[in-house]
N, C-alpha and C. Protein backbone atom coordinates (compact mmCIF):
# COMPACT_ATOMS: atom_id res chain seq x y z
N UNK A 1 40.32 5.43 20.65
CA UNK A 1 40.61 4.11 20.14
C UNK A 1 39.37 3.23 20.17
N UNK A 2 38.64 3.31 21.28
CA UNK A 2 37.44 2.50 21.42
C UNK A 2 36.38 2.94 20.41
N UNK A 3 36.28 4.23 20.18
CA UNK A 3 35.30 4.76 19.22
C UNK A 3 35.64 4.28 17.81
N UNK A 4 36.92 4.22 17.48
CA UNK A 4 37.33 3.76 16.16
C UNK A 4 36.92 2.31 15.95
N UNK A 5 37.05 1.49 16.97
CA UNK A 5 36.66 0.08 16.87
C UNK A 5 35.15 -0.05 16.65
N UNK A 6 34.41 0.75 17.38
CA UNK A 6 32.95 0.71 17.25
C UNK A 6 32.54 1.16 15.84
N UNK A 7 33.13 2.24 15.37
CA UNK A 7 32.83 2.72 14.03
C UNK A 7 33.22 1.69 12.96
N UNK A 8 34.38 1.07 13.15
CA UNK A 8 34.83 0.04 12.22
C UNK A 8 33.83 -1.13 12.20
N UNK A 9 33.36 -1.55 13.37
CA UNK A 9 32.40 -2.64 13.46
C UNK A 9 31.08 -2.27 12.77
N UNK A 10 30.67 -1.02 12.92
CA UNK A 10 29.43 -0.56 12.28
C UNK A 10 29.59 -0.58 10.76
N UNK A 11 30.74 -0.11 10.27
CA UNK A 11 30.99 -0.09 8.83
C UNK A 11 30.99 -1.52 8.27
N UNK A 12 31.64 -2.44 8.95
CA UNK A 12 31.70 -3.83 8.49
C UNK A 12 30.30 -4.45 8.50
N UNK A 13 29.54 -4.23 9.57
CA UNK A 13 28.19 -4.79 9.66
C UNK A 13 27.30 -4.20 8.57
N UNK A 14 27.42 -2.90 8.33
CA UNK A 14 26.62 -2.25 7.29
C UNK A 14 26.96 -2.80 5.91
N UNK A 15 28.25 -3.00 5.67
CA UNK A 15 28.69 -3.53 4.37
C UNK A 15 28.13 -4.92 4.15
N UNK A 16 28.19 -5.75 5.17
CA UNK A 16 27.67 -7.11 5.05
C UNK A 16 26.17 -7.09 4.79
N UNK A 17 25.48 -6.17 5.43
CA UNK A 17 24.05 -6.06 5.25
C UNK A 17 23.70 -5.61 3.83
N UNK A 18 24.46 -4.65 3.32
CA UNK A 18 24.17 -4.11 1.99
C UNK A 18 24.49 -5.09 0.87
N UNK A 19 25.48 -5.95 1.05
CA UNK A 19 25.85 -6.91 0.01
C UNK A 19 24.73 -7.91 -0.17
N UNK A 20 24.27 -8.51 0.87
CA UNK A 20 23.11 -9.41 0.84
C UNK A 20 23.24 -10.55 -0.15
N UNK A 21 22.11 -11.12 -0.50
CA UNK A 21 22.05 -12.24 -1.43
C UNK A 21 21.25 -11.79 -2.65
N UNK A 22 21.88 -11.19 -3.60
CA UNK A 22 21.18 -10.68 -4.78
C UNK A 22 20.75 -11.80 -5.70
N UNK A 23 19.81 -11.50 -6.60
CA UNK A 23 19.34 -12.46 -7.58
C UNK A 23 20.43 -12.66 -8.64
N UNK A 24 20.53 -13.86 -9.16
CA UNK A 24 21.53 -14.12 -10.20
C UNK A 24 21.03 -13.56 -11.52
N UNK A 25 21.96 -13.32 -12.45
CA UNK A 25 21.54 -12.82 -13.74
C UNK A 25 20.69 -13.87 -14.43
N UNK A 26 19.69 -13.41 -15.12
CA UNK A 26 18.81 -14.32 -15.85
C UNK A 26 17.65 -14.83 -15.01
N UNK A 27 17.72 -14.65 -13.72
CA UNK A 27 16.63 -15.09 -12.87
C UNK A 27 15.50 -14.06 -12.96
N UNK A 28 14.32 -14.52 -13.28
CA UNK A 28 13.19 -13.60 -13.39
C UNK A 28 12.49 -13.51 -12.05
N UNK A 29 12.22 -12.29 -11.67
CA UNK A 29 11.51 -12.07 -10.43
C UNK A 29 10.07 -11.73 -10.80
N UNK A 30 9.16 -12.54 -10.32
CA UNK A 30 7.75 -12.37 -10.64
C UNK A 30 7.14 -11.40 -9.65
N UNK A 31 6.43 -10.39 -10.17
CA UNK A 31 5.77 -9.43 -9.31
C UNK A 31 4.58 -10.05 -8.61
N UNK A 32 4.40 -9.67 -7.38
CA UNK A 32 3.26 -10.14 -6.62
C UNK A 32 2.39 -8.94 -6.26
N UNK A 33 1.12 -9.17 -6.05
CA UNK A 33 0.26 -8.05 -5.69
C UNK A 33 0.75 -7.40 -4.40
N UNK A 34 0.64 -6.11 -4.35
CA UNK A 34 1.06 -5.36 -3.18
C UNK A 34 0.24 -5.80 -1.97
N UNK A 35 0.91 -6.03 -0.85
CA UNK A 35 0.15 -6.37 0.35
C UNK A 35 -0.82 -5.25 0.72
N UNK A 36 -0.43 -4.02 0.41
CA UNK A 36 -1.32 -2.89 0.70
C UNK A 36 -2.56 -2.97 -0.17
N UNK A 37 -2.39 -3.34 -1.45
CA UNK A 37 -3.54 -3.47 -2.35
C UNK A 37 -4.50 -4.52 -1.82
N UNK A 38 -3.95 -5.62 -1.34
CA UNK A 38 -4.81 -6.68 -0.79
C UNK A 38 -5.54 -6.20 0.45
N UNK A 39 -4.87 -5.41 1.29
CA UNK A 39 -5.51 -4.88 2.48
C UNK A 39 -6.62 -3.89 2.12
N UNK A 40 -6.37 -3.07 1.10
CA UNK A 40 -7.38 -2.11 0.65
C UNK A 40 -8.60 -2.87 0.13
N UNK A 41 -8.36 -3.91 -0.69
CA UNK A 41 -9.48 -4.70 -1.21
C UNK A 41 -10.29 -5.31 -0.07
N UNK A 42 -9.59 -5.83 0.93
CA UNK A 42 -10.27 -6.42 2.08
C UNK A 42 -11.09 -5.36 2.83
N UNK A 43 -10.49 -4.19 3.00
CA UNK A 43 -11.17 -3.10 3.69
C UNK A 43 -12.42 -2.66 2.92
N UNK A 44 -12.29 -2.55 1.59
CA UNK A 44 -13.44 -2.15 0.77
C UNK A 44 -14.52 -3.23 0.78
N UNK A 45 -14.11 -4.49 0.77
CA UNK A 45 -15.08 -5.59 0.80
C UNK A 45 -15.88 -5.53 2.11
N UNK A 46 -15.18 -5.32 3.20
CA UNK A 46 -15.85 -5.22 4.50
C UNK A 46 -16.80 -4.03 4.52
N UNK A 47 -16.34 -2.88 4.02
CA UNK A 47 -17.19 -1.68 4.00
C UNK A 47 -18.40 -1.88 3.10
N UNK A 48 -18.23 -2.63 2.00
CA UNK A 48 -19.36 -2.86 1.10
C UNK A 48 -20.39 -3.80 1.72
N UNK A 49 -19.96 -4.56 2.73
CA UNK A 49 -20.88 -5.48 3.40
C UNK A 49 -21.52 -4.88 4.65
N UNK A 50 -20.72 -4.13 5.45
CA UNK A 50 -21.28 -3.63 6.70
C UNK A 50 -21.65 -2.14 6.69
N UNK A 51 -21.15 -1.38 5.71
CA UNK A 51 -21.52 0.03 5.59
C UNK A 51 -20.91 0.94 6.64
N UNK A 52 -19.90 0.44 7.37
CA UNK A 52 -19.26 1.27 8.40
C UNK A 52 -18.18 2.14 7.76
N UNK A 53 -18.00 3.35 8.28
CA UNK A 53 -16.94 4.23 7.77
C UNK A 53 -15.57 3.59 7.89
N UNK A 54 -14.64 3.99 7.02
CA UNK A 54 -13.31 3.39 7.00
C UNK A 54 -12.45 3.76 8.20
N UNK A 55 -12.62 4.94 8.72
CA UNK A 55 -11.82 5.35 9.88
C UNK A 55 -10.35 5.49 9.51
N UNK A 56 -9.50 4.83 10.27
CA UNK A 56 -8.05 4.95 10.05
C UNK A 56 -7.58 4.23 8.79
N UNK A 57 -8.44 3.49 8.14
CA UNK A 57 -8.08 2.82 6.89
C UNK A 57 -7.75 3.81 5.79
N UNK A 58 -8.16 5.03 5.95
CA UNK A 58 -7.86 6.07 4.96
C UNK A 58 -6.38 6.32 4.82
N UNK A 59 -5.63 6.17 5.89
CA UNK A 59 -4.18 6.35 5.83
C UNK A 59 -3.54 5.25 4.98
N UNK A 60 -4.04 4.05 5.11
CA UNK A 60 -3.54 2.94 4.32
C UNK A 60 -3.82 3.18 2.84
N UNK A 61 -4.98 3.74 2.56
CA UNK A 61 -5.33 4.01 1.16
C UNK A 61 -4.40 5.04 0.56
N UNK A 62 -3.96 6.02 1.34
CA UNK A 62 -3.04 7.03 0.83
C UNK A 62 -1.71 6.40 0.43
N UNK A 63 -1.22 5.46 1.23
CA UNK A 63 0.03 4.79 0.92
C UNK A 63 -0.11 3.97 -0.37
N UNK A 64 -1.23 3.28 -0.49
CA UNK A 64 -1.49 2.49 -1.69
C UNK A 64 -1.56 3.38 -2.93
N UNK A 65 -2.27 4.49 -2.83
CA UNK A 65 -2.42 5.39 -3.97
C UNK A 65 -1.07 5.99 -4.40
N UNK A 66 -0.20 6.22 -3.44
CA UNK A 66 1.13 6.73 -3.76
C UNK A 66 1.90 5.69 -4.59
N UNK A 67 1.77 4.43 -4.21
CA UNK A 67 2.43 3.35 -4.96
C UNK A 67 1.81 3.20 -6.35
N UNK A 68 0.49 3.24 -6.41
CA UNK A 68 -0.22 3.06 -7.67
C UNK A 68 0.09 4.19 -8.65
N UNK A 69 0.29 5.38 -8.13
CA UNK A 69 0.55 6.54 -8.97
C UNK A 69 1.81 6.36 -9.82
N UNK A 70 2.76 5.58 -9.30
CA UNK A 70 4.01 5.33 -10.04
C UNK A 70 3.78 4.49 -11.28
N UNK A 71 2.76 3.63 -11.26
CA UNK A 71 2.51 2.75 -12.40
C UNK A 71 1.28 3.12 -13.21
N UNK A 72 0.28 3.73 -12.58
CA UNK A 72 -0.96 4.07 -13.27
C UNK A 72 -1.55 5.34 -12.65
N UNK A 73 -1.04 6.47 -13.09
CA UNK A 73 -1.43 7.76 -12.51
C UNK A 73 -2.92 8.05 -12.68
N UNK A 74 -3.48 7.70 -13.83
CA UNK A 74 -4.90 7.97 -14.07
C UNK A 74 -5.78 7.17 -13.11
N UNK A 75 -5.44 5.90 -12.91
CA UNK A 75 -6.22 5.05 -12.00
C UNK A 75 -6.07 5.57 -10.56
N UNK A 76 -4.87 6.00 -10.18
CA UNK A 76 -4.64 6.53 -8.84
C UNK A 76 -5.47 7.78 -8.60
N UNK A 77 -5.53 8.65 -9.60
CA UNK A 77 -6.30 9.89 -9.47
C UNK A 77 -7.79 9.58 -9.33
N UNK A 78 -8.27 8.64 -10.12
CA UNK A 78 -9.68 8.25 -10.05
C UNK A 78 -10.02 7.65 -8.68
N UNK A 79 -9.16 6.76 -8.20
CA UNK A 79 -9.40 6.13 -6.91
C UNK A 79 -9.26 7.14 -5.77
N UNK A 80 -8.38 8.12 -5.92
CA UNK A 80 -8.21 9.15 -4.89
C UNK A 80 -9.52 9.92 -4.70
N UNK A 81 -10.15 10.29 -5.80
CA UNK A 81 -11.43 11.00 -5.71
C UNK A 81 -12.48 10.12 -5.03
N UNK A 82 -12.49 8.83 -5.37
CA UNK A 82 -13.44 7.91 -4.75
C UNK A 82 -13.17 7.75 -3.25
N UNK A 83 -11.88 7.61 -2.88
CA UNK A 83 -11.54 7.47 -1.45
C UNK A 83 -11.92 8.73 -0.68
N UNK A 84 -11.69 9.89 -1.27
CA UNK A 84 -12.06 11.14 -0.61
C UNK A 84 -13.57 11.17 -0.35
N UNK A 85 -14.35 10.78 -1.36
CA UNK A 85 -15.80 10.76 -1.20
C UNK A 85 -16.21 9.73 -0.15
N UNK A 86 -15.60 8.56 -0.19
CA UNK A 86 -15.94 7.50 0.76
C UNK A 86 -15.62 7.91 2.19
N UNK A 87 -14.48 8.56 2.37
CA UNK A 87 -14.07 8.97 3.72
C UNK A 87 -15.02 10.02 4.32
N UNK A 88 -15.71 10.77 3.47
CA UNK A 88 -16.61 11.80 3.98
C UNK A 88 -18.02 11.28 4.21
N UNK A 89 -18.30 10.04 3.82
CA UNK A 89 -19.64 9.48 3.95
C UNK A 89 -19.89 8.93 5.35
N UNK A 90 -21.17 9.02 5.77
CA UNK A 90 -21.56 8.43 7.05
C UNK A 90 -22.80 7.54 6.90
N UNK A 91 -23.52 7.67 5.79
CA UNK A 91 -24.71 6.87 5.55
C UNK A 91 -24.28 5.45 5.13
N UNK A 92 -24.67 4.42 5.89
CA UNK A 92 -24.26 3.05 5.59
C UNK A 92 -24.59 2.59 4.17
N UNK A 93 -25.74 2.97 3.66
CA UNK A 93 -26.13 2.55 2.30
C UNK A 93 -25.21 3.17 1.25
N UNK A 94 -24.87 4.45 1.45
CA UNK A 94 -23.96 5.12 0.52
C UNK A 94 -22.55 4.52 0.59
N UNK A 95 -22.11 4.21 1.82
CA UNK A 95 -20.79 3.61 2.00
C UNK A 95 -20.73 2.26 1.31
N UNK A 96 -21.77 1.46 1.48
CA UNK A 96 -21.80 0.13 0.85
C UNK A 96 -21.71 0.25 -0.68
N UNK A 97 -22.50 1.16 -1.24
CA UNK A 97 -22.54 1.32 -2.69
C UNK A 97 -21.19 1.84 -3.23
N UNK A 98 -20.63 2.84 -2.57
CA UNK A 98 -19.36 3.42 -3.02
C UNK A 98 -18.23 2.40 -2.89
N UNK A 99 -18.19 1.68 -1.78
CA UNK A 99 -17.12 0.69 -1.57
C UNK A 99 -17.22 -0.43 -2.59
N UNK A 100 -18.44 -0.88 -2.90
CA UNK A 100 -18.63 -1.93 -3.89
C UNK A 100 -18.16 -1.45 -5.28
N UNK A 101 -18.49 -0.21 -5.61
CA UNK A 101 -18.08 0.34 -6.91
C UNK A 101 -16.56 0.47 -6.98
N UNK A 102 -15.94 0.89 -5.90
CA UNK A 102 -14.49 1.05 -5.86
C UNK A 102 -13.79 -0.31 -5.96
N UNK A 103 -14.38 -1.29 -5.34
CA UNK A 103 -13.79 -2.63 -5.36
C UNK A 103 -13.68 -3.15 -6.79
N UNK A 104 -14.66 -2.81 -7.62
CA UNK A 104 -14.63 -3.23 -9.03
C UNK A 104 -13.53 -2.51 -9.81
N UNK A 105 -13.14 -1.31 -9.36
CA UNK A 105 -12.12 -0.53 -10.06
C UNK A 105 -10.69 -0.91 -9.65
N UNK A 106 -10.55 -1.64 -8.55
CA UNK A 106 -9.22 -1.96 -8.06
C UNK A 106 -8.49 -2.86 -9.04
N UNK A 107 -7.20 -2.54 -9.30
CA UNK A 107 -6.43 -3.38 -10.21
C UNK A 107 -6.07 -4.72 -9.60
């Protein structure tokens, strides 16, 4: 009996959560730049200035590229090759140049 009450409460709470506050018909939702894209741009800007390797920022780039691939597969593929090259670099001058070039390609 107690388990049924708990399950019932979970179902009711889940239903309320799923209903939410949807947009009304006719309301236009304006797209905003992906927060991940902004983080990638910031990361590339920093790398183009200091020449330090990206380190764990590479994981963030993978998530961004997965999102980008849904809308622009060619751009995602091009940036993936650039990120792979950048992640393998250790020379500060090369990192700066590659990051600056990539920053110009970012949508």
